[in-house]
């Protein structure tokens, strides 16, 4: 579903490498944590997947698309297949929960009937039944992140990227959010989550890809390593 072949990324010639010779293969239906300290390359890796950045070297394939050959006019077709969730929620403050989630479908040209059906279904998925009329400021941080997840999933994309989705949340709420992502994954969506929260990673026991100075230094599935640590 997501493949990187010897991918390197540098934002400017004078900068250090944000990613350095990264090889990665995330299979369809997999849940993968990407971990590492701040500046290790986690967010840069996710930016490549949604083509916010193009690699300086190497090849990136996502959902059957070779991103190096994808014309700019077709980038929107790629992004329709990828839901994204961020640490800071990025909700529209003047719109209700229902309107925030429905906005995605409206942009994609969905019918009113489809919107009326899919928005409540998706709010149910993230545990926000009955809260569609509330505004973001009336919700807790955890509830706002649930809205963000619903917005990312309402179009039923095959891939969900989450960049530090629990970074602003307390431990109990963080666990609830990752449990929702786990449930989404078990229904068939490929999930890649960047995080520095080792407690969450230890609790959910998914595949772990660790970055350090832009390099993969560990690639571990439950039950064993896929890639030995670098010397």
Foldseek 3Di string as FASTA:
>chain_A
DKWWAQFWADPDPVGAILAGGETDDFDFLAEEEEEEDPSLNPVVVVCCQLVVDPTPDTWIDDPRDTVVPDDPVCSVVSVLQEFEAEQVLPFDQVAFLLCRQLVLVVVVPHDPVLSVPLSQVLCVLLPNPPRRGHGPVVDDLLVSRSSSVSSRCSSPHQEYEYEANCVPDDPVSVLSVVVSVVVSSVVGHYYYYYHHDVVSCVVVQGWYFYGGSNYTQFTAHVPGTPDHGDD
